[in-house]
């Protein structure tokens, strides 16, 4: 799936697709740093995590890749099997991020909508996400609405 955007009269293209191992050394880690502290994440460690995610099954990491091959945006879709709703599926969109300097170009919305499209193709009956206060209007423009209350409990990190 390809998207084009322009900034200041110059057209730039980016492609949205599933994360590839090669992307881990092409700006993926740097892009994640615009979301949260990565704790010294290296491409090698990220490869191990990606292998674990793929073995677990329901994770789909989508990236926006610029014409130069650098990752400039990302999100994760987790597909949850439910007991309720006739055993239906729910898509959870997590970790939406745009690389520093690439904000405001439609990349965040594009990766979110690609995740929504993928969830729809899997047959999910709904897609949910949590966001920080102040970002509600961004997600509202993409068709999301406020629903329920998100809560969080931080647990003590364990060695993996």
N, C-alpha and C. Protein backbone atom coordinates (compact mmCIF):
# COMPACT_ATOMS: atom_id res chain seq x y z
N UNK A 1 0.86 -1.15 0.00
CA UNK A 1 0.00 0.00 0.00
C UNK A 1 0.91 1.22 0.00
N UNK A 2 0.74 2.13 -0.94
CA UNK A 2 1.60 3.30 -1.05
C UNK A 2 0.81 4.57 -0.82
N UNK A 3 1.47 5.54 -0.26
CA UNK A 3 0.88 6.85 -0.04
C UNK A 3 1.88 7.88 -0.53
N UNK A 4 1.39 9.00 -0.97
CA UNK A 4 2.26 10.11 -1.34
C UNK A 4 1.84 11.32 -0.54
N UNK A 5 2.79 12.10 -0.16
CA UNK A 5 2.49 13.34 0.53
C UNK A 5 3.46 14.39 0.04
N UNK A 6 3.11 15.64 0.28
CA UNK A 6 4.01 16.70 -0.14
C UNK A 6 4.21 17.66 1.01
N UNK A 7 5.34 18.27 1.01
CA UNK A 7 5.68 19.24 2.04
C UNK A 7 6.51 20.32 1.40
N UNK A 8 6.03 21.54 1.44
CA UNK A 8 6.79 22.65 0.88
C UNK A 8 7.02 22.52 -0.61
N UNK A 9 6.06 21.91 -1.32
CA UNK A 9 6.19 21.79 -2.76
C UNK A 9 6.96 20.57 -3.22
N UNK A 10 7.69 19.92 -2.31
CA UNK A 10 8.44 18.73 -2.68
C UNK A 10 7.61 17.50 -2.35
N UNK A 11 7.43 16.63 -3.33
CA UNK A 11 6.67 15.40 -3.09
C UNK A 11 7.61 14.34 -2.52
N UNK A 12 7.12 13.66 -1.50
CA UNK A 12 7.86 12.53 -0.94
C UNK A 12 6.90 11.37 -0.91
N UNK A 13 7.41 10.20 -1.12
CA UNK A 13 6.57 9.01 -1.11
C UNK A 13 6.97 8.13 0.07
N UNK A 14 5.99 7.44 0.60
CA UNK A 14 6.27 6.42 1.60
C UNK A 14 5.33 5.26 1.36
N UNK A 15 5.78 4.11 1.76
CA UNK A 15 5.01 2.88 1.60
C UNK A 15 4.66 2.37 2.99
N UNK A 16 3.46 1.86 3.14
CA UNK A 16 3.06 1.24 4.41
C UNK A 16 2.96 -0.25 4.18
N UNK A 17 3.65 -1.00 5.02
CA UNK A 17 3.70 -2.45 4.89
C UNK A 17 4.09 -3.06 6.23
N UNK A 18 4.07 -4.39 6.29
CA UNK A 18 4.49 -5.06 7.52
C UNK A 18 6.00 -4.92 7.69
N UNK A 19 6.39 -4.85 8.94
CA UNK A 19 7.80 -4.72 9.32
C UNK A 19 8.59 -5.91 8.81
N UNK A 20 9.76 -5.61 8.28
CA UNK A 20 10.71 -6.64 7.85
C UNK A 20 11.93 -6.55 8.75
N UNK A 21 12.64 -7.66 8.91
CA UNK A 21 13.83 -7.67 9.77
C UNK A 21 14.83 -6.59 9.33
N UNK A 22 14.96 -6.35 8.04
CA UNK A 22 15.91 -5.34 7.54
C UNK A 22 15.54 -3.94 8.01
N UNK A 23 14.26 -3.69 8.29
CA UNK A 23 13.83 -2.36 8.75
C UNK A 23 14.39 -2.02 10.13
N UNK A 24 14.72 -3.03 10.90
CA UNK A 24 15.17 -2.81 12.27
C UNK A 24 16.46 -2.00 12.32
N UNK A 25 17.27 -2.10 11.29
CA UNK A 25 18.49 -1.31 11.20
C UNK A 25 18.36 -0.10 10.31
N UNK A 26 17.14 0.17 9.84
CA UNK A 26 16.89 1.29 8.93
C UNK A 26 15.94 2.31 9.53
N UNK A 27 16.19 2.69 10.77
CA UNK A 27 15.44 3.76 11.38
C UNK A 27 14.28 3.34 12.26
N UNK A 28 13.98 2.05 12.37
CA UNK A 28 12.86 1.62 13.20
C UNK A 28 13.08 2.00 14.66
N UNK A 29 14.25 1.68 15.20
CA UNK A 29 14.55 1.98 16.60
C UNK A 29 14.52 3.49 16.83
N UNK A 30 15.10 4.26 15.92
CA UNK A 30 15.10 5.72 16.05
C UNK A 30 13.68 6.27 16.01
N UNK A 31 12.83 5.68 15.21
CA UNK A 31 11.43 6.11 15.14
C UNK A 31 10.73 5.82 16.47
N UNK A 32 10.95 4.64 17.04
CA UNK A 32 10.34 4.29 18.32
C UNK A 32 10.76 5.26 19.43
N UNK A 33 11.96 5.81 19.34
CA UNK A 33 12.43 6.74 20.36
C UNK A 33 11.57 8.00 20.43
N UNK A 34 10.81 8.31 19.38
CA UNK A 34 9.91 9.45 19.42
C UNK A 34 8.62 9.13 20.18
N UNK A 35 8.42 7.86 20.48
CA UNK A 35 7.24 7.41 21.24
C UNK A 35 7.56 7.28 22.72
N UNK A 36 8.68 6.62 23.01
CA UNK A 36 9.00 6.31 24.40
C UNK A 36 10.48 5.96 24.51
N UNK A 37 10.98 5.97 25.72
CA UNK A 37 12.35 5.53 25.99
C UNK A 37 12.48 4.08 25.56
N UNK A 38 13.48 3.79 24.76
CA UNK A 38 13.64 2.43 24.24
C UNK A 38 14.61 1.60 25.07
N UNK A 39 15.20 2.20 26.10
CA UNK A 39 16.07 1.43 26.99
C UNK A 39 17.30 0.85 26.32
N UNK A 40 17.85 1.57 25.36
CA UNK A 40 19.05 1.08 24.68
C UNK A 40 18.77 -0.02 23.67
N UNK A 41 17.55 -0.11 23.19
CA UNK A 41 17.18 -1.13 22.20
C UNK A 41 18.10 -1.03 20.98
N UNK A 42 18.65 -2.15 20.60
CA UNK A 42 19.49 -2.22 19.41
C UNK A 42 18.76 -3.01 18.34
N UNK A 43 19.18 -2.88 17.08
CA UNK A 43 18.56 -3.71 16.03
C UNK A 43 18.66 -5.21 16.33
N UNK A 44 19.77 -5.65 16.92
CA UNK A 44 19.92 -7.08 17.24
C UNK A 44 18.89 -7.53 18.28
N UNK A 45 18.71 -6.73 19.31
CA UNK A 45 17.70 -7.06 20.33
C UNK A 45 16.30 -6.97 19.73
N UNK A 46 16.08 -5.98 18.89
CA UNK A 46 14.77 -5.84 18.23
C UNK A 46 14.48 -7.07 17.37
N UNK A 47 15.49 -7.65 16.72
CA UNK A 47 15.28 -8.87 15.92
C UNK A 47 14.78 -10.01 16.80
N UNK A 48 15.38 -10.16 17.99
CA UNK A 48 14.95 -11.21 18.91
C UNK A 48 13.49 -10.99 19.34
N UNK A 49 13.15 -9.75 19.63
CA UNK A 49 11.78 -9.42 20.04
C UNK A 49 10.81 -9.70 18.89
N UNK A 50 11.18 -9.33 17.67
CA UNK A 50 10.33 -9.57 16.50
C UNK A 50 10.10 -11.06 16.30
N UNK A 51 11.14 -11.88 16.47
CA UNK A 51 10.97 -13.33 16.34
C UNK A 51 9.98 -13.85 17.39
N UNK A 52 10.09 -13.35 18.62
CA UNK A 52 9.16 -13.74 19.69
C UNK A 52 7.73 -13.35 19.34
N UNK A 53 7.56 -12.13 18.84
CA UNK A 53 6.23 -11.65 18.47
C UNK A 53 5.63 -12.52 17.38
N UNK A 54 6.43 -12.88 16.40
CA UNK A 54 5.93 -13.70 15.28
C UNK A 54 5.55 -15.09 15.75
N UNK A 55 6.31 -15.64 16.71
CA UNK A 55 5.95 -16.96 17.26
C UNK A 55 4.65 -16.88 18.03
N UNK A 56 4.41 -15.77 18.71
CA UNK A 56 3.18 -15.59 19.49
C UNK A 56 1.96 -15.49 18.58
N UNK A 57 2.15 -15.05 17.36
CA UNK A 57 1.09 -15.10 16.37
C UNK A 57 0.26 -13.88 16.08
N UNK A 58 -0.39 -13.28 17.07
CA UNK A 58 -1.38 -12.27 16.68
C UNK A 58 -0.84 -10.85 16.50
N UNK A 59 0.48 -10.67 16.43
CA UNK A 59 1.07 -9.34 16.31
C UNK A 59 1.39 -9.02 14.86
N UNK A 60 1.04 -7.80 14.45
CA UNK A 60 1.37 -7.32 13.12
C UNK A 60 1.92 -5.90 13.26
N UNK A 61 3.20 -5.72 12.98
CA UNK A 61 3.82 -4.41 13.07
C UNK A 61 3.83 -3.82 11.67
N UNK A 62 3.20 -2.65 11.55
CA UNK A 62 3.13 -1.96 10.27
C UNK A 62 4.08 -0.77 10.33
N UNK A 63 4.78 -0.53 9.23
CA UNK A 63 5.72 0.60 9.17
C UNK A 63 5.44 1.43 7.94
N UNK A 64 5.78 2.72 8.05
CA UNK A 64 5.81 3.61 6.89
C UNK A 64 7.28 3.76 6.55
N UNK A 65 7.62 3.44 5.33
CA UNK A 65 9.02 3.47 4.89
C UNK A 65 9.15 4.51 3.79
N UNK A 66 10.10 5.43 4.00
CA UNK A 66 10.34 6.47 3.02
C UNK A 66 11.03 5.94 1.78
N UNK A 67 11.13 6.79 0.77
CA UNK A 67 11.75 6.41 -0.50
C UNK A 67 13.20 5.98 -0.31
N UNK A 68 13.83 6.47 0.76
CA UNK A 68 15.23 6.11 1.03
C UNK A 68 15.36 4.82 1.83
N UNK A 69 14.24 4.15 2.11
CA UNK A 69 14.27 2.90 2.85
C UNK A 69 14.24 3.05 4.35
N UNK A 70 14.18 4.28 4.85
CA UNK A 70 14.17 4.53 6.29
C UNK A 70 12.74 4.48 6.83
N UNK A 71 12.58 3.87 7.99
CA UNK A 71 11.28 3.82 8.65
C UNK A 71 10.98 5.20 9.22
N UNK A 72 9.78 5.72 8.91
CA UNK A 72 9.38 7.06 9.37
C UNK A 72 8.10 7.03 10.20
N UNK A 73 7.51 5.86 10.36
CA UNK A 73 6.31 5.71 11.17
C UNK A 73 6.05 4.24 11.41
N UNK A 74 5.26 3.96 12.47
CA UNK A 74 4.96 2.56 12.79
C UNK A 74 3.76 2.48 13.71
N UNK A 75 3.16 1.31 13.74
CA UNK A 75 2.15 0.95 14.72
C UNK A 75 2.09 -0.57 14.80
N UNK A 76 1.46 -1.06 15.86
CA UNK A 76 1.29 -2.50 16.04
C UNK A 76 -0.19 -2.81 16.13
N UNK A 77 -0.61 -3.86 15.45
CA UNK A 77 -1.97 -4.38 15.55
C UNK A 77 -1.87 -5.73 16.24
N UNK A 78 -2.57 -5.86 17.35
CA UNK A 78 -2.68 -7.11 18.07
C UNK A 78 -4.10 -7.62 17.85
N UNK A 79 -4.25 -8.85 17.40
CA UNK A 79 -5.58 -9.43 17.16
C UNK A 79 -5.89 -10.39 18.29
N UNK A 80 -6.97 -10.07 19.02
CA UNK A 80 -7.38 -10.86 20.19
C UNK A 80 -8.59 -11.71 19.86
N UNK A 81 -8.50 -12.99 20.18
CA UNK A 81 -9.63 -13.91 20.05
C UNK A 81 -10.48 -13.78 21.31
N UNK A 82 -11.79 -13.57 21.15
CA UNK A 82 -12.70 -13.39 22.28
C UNK A 82 -13.55 -14.64 22.48
N UNK A 83 -14.05 -14.82 23.70
CA UNK A 83 -15.09 -15.82 23.97
C UNK A 83 -16.44 -15.22 23.65
N UNK A 84 -16.60 -13.93 23.95
CA UNK A 84 -17.87 -13.25 23.72
C UNK A 84 -18.00 -12.89 22.24
N UNK A 85 -19.14 -12.36 21.89
CA UNK A 85 -19.43 -11.98 20.49
C UNK A 85 -19.19 -13.15 19.54
N UNK A 86 -19.65 -14.32 19.97
CA UNK A 86 -19.54 -15.50 19.12
C UNK A 86 -18.12 -15.90 18.79
N UNK A 87 -17.20 -15.62 19.70
CA UNK A 87 -15.80 -15.95 19.43
C UNK A 87 -15.16 -14.98 18.46
N UNK A 88 -15.69 -13.76 18.40
CA UNK A 88 -15.19 -12.77 17.46
C UNK A 88 -13.78 -12.30 17.77
N UNK A 89 -13.24 -11.52 16.86
CA UNK A 89 -11.89 -10.97 16.98
C UNK A 89 -11.95 -9.47 17.23
N UNK A 90 -11.01 -8.99 18.04
CA UNK A 90 -10.87 -7.56 18.31
C UNK A 90 -9.45 -7.14 17.93
N UNK A 91 -9.35 -6.04 17.22
CA UNK A 91 -8.04 -5.48 16.90
C UNK A 91 -7.67 -4.43 17.93
N UNK A 92 -6.45 -4.49 18.42
CA UNK A 92 -5.91 -3.50 19.35
C UNK A 92 -4.77 -2.77 18.64
N UNK A 93 -4.90 -1.47 18.46
CA UNK A 93 -3.85 -0.67 17.84
C UNK A 93 -2.99 -0.10 18.97
N UNK A 94 -1.70 -0.31 18.88
CA UNK A 94 -0.76 0.11 19.91
C UNK A 94 0.44 0.81 19.29
N UNK A 95 1.12 1.59 20.10
CA UNK A 95 2.43 2.17 19.76
C UNK A 95 2.47 2.89 18.42
N UNK A 96 1.52 3.79 18.21
CA UNK A 96 1.52 4.61 17.00
C UNK A 96 2.63 5.65 17.16
N UNK A 97 3.51 5.72 16.18
CA UNK A 97 4.64 6.65 16.28
C UNK A 97 5.04 7.14 14.89
N UNK A 98 5.46 8.40 14.86
CA UNK A 98 6.02 9.00 13.65
C UNK A 98 7.40 9.52 14.01
N UNK A 99 8.34 9.28 13.14
CA UNK A 99 9.72 9.70 13.39
C UNK A 99 9.82 11.21 13.53
N UNK A 100 10.66 11.64 14.44
CA UNK A 100 10.87 13.07 14.68
C UNK A 100 11.26 13.75 13.36
N UNK A 101 10.59 14.87 13.09
CA UNK A 101 10.83 15.60 11.86
C UNK A 101 9.88 15.22 10.74
N UNK A 102 9.11 14.16 10.93
CA UNK A 102 8.16 13.69 9.92
C UNK A 102 6.72 13.90 10.36
N UNK A 103 6.52 14.51 11.52
CA UNK A 103 5.17 14.73 12.03
C UNK A 103 4.39 15.68 11.11
N UNK A 104 3.07 15.58 11.15
CA UNK A 104 2.21 16.49 10.40
C UNK A 104 2.12 16.21 8.91
N UNK A 105 2.55 15.06 8.48
CA UNK A 105 2.53 14.72 7.05
C UNK A 105 1.55 13.61 6.71
N UNK A 106 0.72 13.23 7.68
CA UNK A 106 -0.28 12.21 7.42
C UNK A 106 0.18 10.79 7.67
N UNK A 107 1.41 10.62 8.10
CA UNK A 107 1.96 9.28 8.28
C UNK A 107 1.27 8.55 9.43
N UNK A 108 1.07 9.23 10.57
CA UNK A 108 0.41 8.60 11.71
C UNK A 108 -0.98 8.10 11.35
N UNK A 109 -1.75 8.95 10.69
CA UNK A 109 -3.09 8.54 10.26
C UNK A 109 -3.03 7.39 9.28
N UNK A 110 -2.05 7.41 8.40
CA UNK A 110 -1.92 6.34 7.40
C UNK A 110 -1.61 4.99 8.03
N UNK A 111 -0.69 4.96 9.02
CA UNK A 111 -0.38 3.66 9.63
C UNK A 111 -1.55 3.16 10.47
N UNK A 112 -2.26 4.08 11.13
CA UNK A 112 -3.44 3.67 11.91
C UNK A 112 -4.51 3.09 10.97
N UNK A 113 -4.79 3.78 9.88
CA UNK A 113 -5.83 3.30 8.97
C UNK A 113 -5.42 2.01 8.27
N UNK A 114 -4.13 1.80 8.04
CA UNK A 114 -3.66 0.53 7.49
C UNK A 114 -3.91 -0.59 8.50
N UNK A 115 -3.70 -0.31 9.79
CA UNK A 115 -3.97 -1.30 10.84
C UNK A 115 -5.48 -1.60 10.91
N UNK A 116 -6.30 -0.56 10.79
CA UNK A 116 -7.76 -0.74 10.80
C UNK A 116 -8.18 -1.60 9.60
N UNK A 117 -7.62 -1.31 8.44
CA UNK A 117 -7.95 -2.10 7.24
C UNK A 117 -7.54 -3.56 7.44
N UNK A 118 -6.36 -3.79 8.02
CA UNK A 118 -5.90 -5.15 8.27
C UNK A 118 -6.84 -5.85 9.25
N UNK A 119 -7.25 -5.15 10.31
CA UNK A 119 -8.18 -5.73 11.29
C UNK A 119 -9.49 -6.11 10.60
N UNK A 120 -9.96 -5.25 9.71
CA UNK A 120 -11.19 -5.54 8.97
C UNK A 120 -11.01 -6.79 8.10
N UNK A 121 -9.86 -6.91 7.46
CA UNK A 121 -9.59 -8.08 6.61
C UNK A 121 -9.53 -9.36 7.44
N UNK A 122 -9.06 -9.27 8.69
CA UNK A 122 -9.05 -10.43 9.58
C UNK A 122 -10.44 -10.77 10.09
N UNK A 123 -11.40 -9.86 9.93
CA UNK A 123 -12.75 -10.09 10.39
C UNK A 123 -13.03 -9.57 11.79
N UNK A 124 -12.20 -8.67 12.28
CA UNK A 124 -12.43 -8.09 13.62
C UNK A 124 -13.76 -7.34 13.63
N UNK A 125 -14.50 -7.44 14.74
CA UNK A 125 -15.76 -6.71 14.84
C UNK A 125 -15.57 -5.32 15.41
N UNK A 126 -14.38 -5.03 15.99
CA UNK A 126 -14.08 -3.68 16.44
C UNK A 126 -12.57 -3.52 16.53
N UNK A 127 -12.15 -2.27 16.54
CA UNK A 127 -10.75 -1.92 16.73
C UNK A 127 -10.72 -0.91 17.86
N UNK A 128 -9.86 -1.15 18.84
CA UNK A 128 -9.74 -0.23 19.96
C UNK A 128 -8.29 0.21 20.12
N UNK A 129 -8.13 1.37 20.73
CA UNK A 129 -6.80 1.86 21.06
C UNK A 129 -6.89 2.77 22.27
N UNK A 130 -5.81 2.88 22.98
CA UNK A 130 -5.68 3.84 24.07
C UNK A 130 -4.78 4.95 23.58
N UNK A 131 -5.07 6.17 24.02
CA UNK A 131 -4.20 7.28 23.66
C UNK A 131 -4.07 8.24 24.82
N UNK A 132 -3.06 9.05 24.77
CA UNK A 132 -2.85 10.06 25.80
C UNK A 132 -3.89 11.17 25.63
N UNK A 133 -4.22 11.79 26.76
CA UNK A 133 -5.11 12.94 26.70
C UNK A 133 -4.50 13.98 25.77
N UNK A 134 -5.34 14.63 25.01
CA UNK A 134 -4.86 15.61 24.05
C UNK A 134 -4.75 15.06 22.64
N UNK A 135 -4.75 13.74 22.52
CA UNK A 135 -4.68 13.13 21.18
C UNK A 135 -6.04 12.65 20.69
N UNK A 136 -7.07 12.85 21.52
CA UNK A 136 -8.40 12.37 21.14
C UNK A 136 -8.87 12.94 19.82
N UNK A 137 -8.62 14.21 19.56
CA UNK A 137 -9.11 14.83 18.31
C UNK A 137 -8.43 14.21 17.09
N UNK A 138 -7.15 13.84 17.22
CA UNK A 138 -6.45 13.18 16.11
C UNK A 138 -7.17 11.88 15.75
N UNK A 139 -7.43 11.05 16.76
CA UNK A 139 -8.07 9.76 16.51
C UNK A 139 -9.54 9.92 16.12
N UNK A 140 -10.20 10.94 16.62
CA UNK A 140 -11.58 11.22 16.21
C UNK A 140 -11.66 11.49 14.72
N UNK A 141 -10.68 12.22 14.20
CA UNK A 141 -10.66 12.51 12.75
C UNK A 141 -10.51 11.24 11.93
N UNK A 142 -10.00 10.18 12.55
CA UNK A 142 -9.84 8.90 11.85
C UNK A 142 -11.05 7.99 12.03
N UNK A 143 -12.06 8.48 12.77
CA UNK A 143 -13.28 7.71 12.95
C UNK A 143 -13.43 7.06 14.31
N UNK A 144 -12.44 7.16 15.17
CA UNK A 144 -12.54 6.59 16.51
C UNK A 144 -13.40 7.51 17.38
N UNK A 145 -13.98 6.95 18.44
CA UNK A 145 -14.76 7.74 19.39
C UNK A 145 -14.38 7.31 20.79
N UNK A 146 -14.57 8.22 21.73
CA UNK A 146 -14.30 7.90 23.13
C UNK A 146 -15.24 6.80 23.58
N UNK A 147 -14.71 5.83 24.32
CA UNK A 147 -15.52 4.72 24.80
C UNK A 147 -14.82 4.13 26.02
N UNK A 148 -15.52 3.99 27.09
CA UNK A 148 -14.97 3.42 28.32
C UNK A 148 -13.85 4.30 28.88
N UNK A 149 -13.12 3.77 29.82
CA UNK A 149 -12.02 4.47 30.46
C UNK A 149 -10.82 3.55 30.46
N UNK A 150 -9.70 4.03 30.03
CA UNK A 150 -8.47 3.24 30.07
C UNK A 150 -7.83 3.34 31.44
N UNK A 151 -7.37 2.24 31.97
CA UNK A 151 -6.71 2.21 33.27
C UNK A 151 -5.38 1.49 33.10
N UNK A 152 -4.45 1.76 34.03
CA UNK A 152 -3.12 1.18 33.91
C UNK A 152 -2.60 0.82 35.29
N UNK A 153 -1.89 -0.29 35.37
CA UNK A 153 -1.20 -0.71 36.57
C UNK A 153 0.20 -1.09 36.15
N UNK A 154 1.19 -0.38 36.62
CA UNK A 154 2.59 -0.69 36.29
C UNK A 154 3.09 -1.79 37.21
N UNK A 155 3.68 -2.81 36.62
CA UNK A 155 4.25 -3.93 37.36
C UNK A 155 5.77 -3.82 37.34
N UNK A 156 6.39 -4.47 38.28
CA UNK A 156 7.85 -4.47 38.36
C UNK A 156 8.42 -5.24 37.16
N UNK A 157 9.31 -4.59 36.39
CA UNK A 157 9.90 -5.27 35.23
C UNK A 157 10.68 -6.52 35.65
N UNK A 158 10.61 -7.54 34.82
CA UNK A 158 11.33 -8.80 35.06
C UNK A 158 12.42 -8.95 34.02
N UNK A 159 13.44 -9.69 34.36
CA UNK A 159 14.48 -10.03 33.38
C UNK A 159 13.87 -11.02 32.40
N UNK A 160 14.19 -10.87 31.13
CA UNK A 160 13.64 -11.77 30.10
C UNK A 160 14.70 -12.64 29.55
